[in-house]
Amino acid sequence: IKLAMIRVDAALREQYPQAKFLLQVHDELIVECPQEIAADVAALVSREMESTAALSVPLLAEAKCGKSWYDAK
């Protein structure tokens, strides 16, 4: 998760500077961004998390959007 956090943060700074990486809770990353780019940011986060390591089993990441963490669950 630490490697994924570094990759996500770097990708967000480069591609979506208006998105802010706020918090990590266990295996979840919380990102705040304008609603207009939320789907694109969610796709970027999933892509970066899934490609962090090459393992014999695939890494799967699920991204959800919502106005609050509760709504995104």
Protein backbone atom coordinates (compact mmCIF):
# COMPACT_ATOMS: atom_id res chain seq x y z
CA ILE A 1 0.00 0.00 0.00
CA LYS A 2 2.91 2.38 0.65
CA LEU A 3 4.23 1.95 -2.87
CA ALA A 4 0.73 2.46 -4.25
CA MET A 5 0.37 5.65 -2.21
CA ILE A 6 3.58 7.06 -3.68
CA ARG A 7 2.52 6.17 -7.23
CA VAL A 8 -1.01 7.57 -6.79
CA ASP A 9 0.29 10.80 -5.28
CA ALA A 10 2.79 11.32 -8.11
CA ALA A 11 0.21 10.56 -10.81
CA LEU A 12 -2.36 12.89 -9.23
CA ARG A 13 0.16 15.75 -9.00
CA GLU A 14 1.05 15.29 -12.66
CA GLN A 15 -2.35 14.64 -14.25
CA TYR A 16 -4.91 16.12 -11.85
CA PRO A 17 -3.29 18.79 -9.66
CA GLN A 18 -6.73 19.87 -8.41
CA ALA A 19 -7.18 16.42 -6.79
CA LYS A 20 -5.81 16.04 -3.28
CA PHE A 21 -4.69 12.77 -1.72
CA LEU A 22 -6.08 13.16 1.80
CA LEU A 23 -5.87 9.98 3.80
CA GLN A 24 -5.02 6.30 3.93
CA VAL A 25 -7.15 4.00 6.09
CA HIS A 26 -5.95 0.38 6.10
CA ASP A 27 -6.05 -0.53 2.40
CA GLU A 28 -8.13 2.45 1.29
CA LEU A 29 -6.95 5.74 -0.19
CA ILE A 30 -9.17 8.82 0.19
CA VAL A 31 -8.87 11.43 -2.56
CA GLU A 32 -10.75 14.72 -2.78
CA CYS A 33 -11.42 16.22 -6.21
CA PRO A 34 -14.01 18.18 -8.18
CA GLN A 35 -17.02 16.08 -9.15
CA GLU A 36 -16.40 16.70 -12.86
CA ILE A 37 -13.16 14.67 -12.80
CA ALA A 38 -14.10 12.13 -10.12
CA ALA A 39 -14.54 9.21 -12.54
CA ASP A 40 -11.19 9.94 -14.21
CA VAL A 41 -9.43 10.23 -10.86
CA ALA A 42 -11.03 6.99 -9.66
CA ALA A 43 -9.78 5.21 -12.79
CA LEU A 44 -6.28 6.60 -12.27
CA VAL A 45 -6.21 5.49 -8.62
CA SER A 46 -7.36 1.96 -9.53
CA ARG A 47 -4.88 1.71 -12.38
CA GLU A 48 -1.94 2.88 -10.25
CA MET A 49 -2.84 0.60 -7.35
CA GLU A 50 -3.27 -2.45 -9.57
CA SER A 51 0.04 -1.90 -11.37
CA THR A 52 2.14 -1.33 -8.25
CA ALA A 53 3.55 -4.86 -8.16
CA ALA A 54 3.75 -7.82 -10.51
CA LEU A 55 2.53 -10.92 -8.69
CA SER A 56 1.41 -14.39 -9.76
CA VAL A 57 -2.14 -13.38 -8.84
CA PRO A 58 -3.67 -10.14 -10.11
CA LEU A 59 -3.98 -7.15 -7.80
CA LEU A 60 -7.49 -5.75 -7.99
CA ALA A 61 -8.48 -2.29 -6.83
CA GLU A 62 -11.99 -0.92 -6.66
CA ALA A 63 -12.64 2.82 -6.68
CA LYS A 64 -15.89 4.45 -5.68
CA CYS A 65 -17.04 8.06 -5.66
CA GLY A 66 -19.24 9.95 -3.23
CA LYS A 67 -19.67 13.27 -1.48
CA SER A 68 -18.44 11.65 1.73
CA TRP A 69 -16.50 8.53 2.65
CA TYR A 70 -19.76 7.01 3.88
CA ASP A 71 -21.48 7.69 0.53
CA ALA A 72 -18.60 6.09 -1.37
CA LYS A 73 -18.82 2.82 0.57
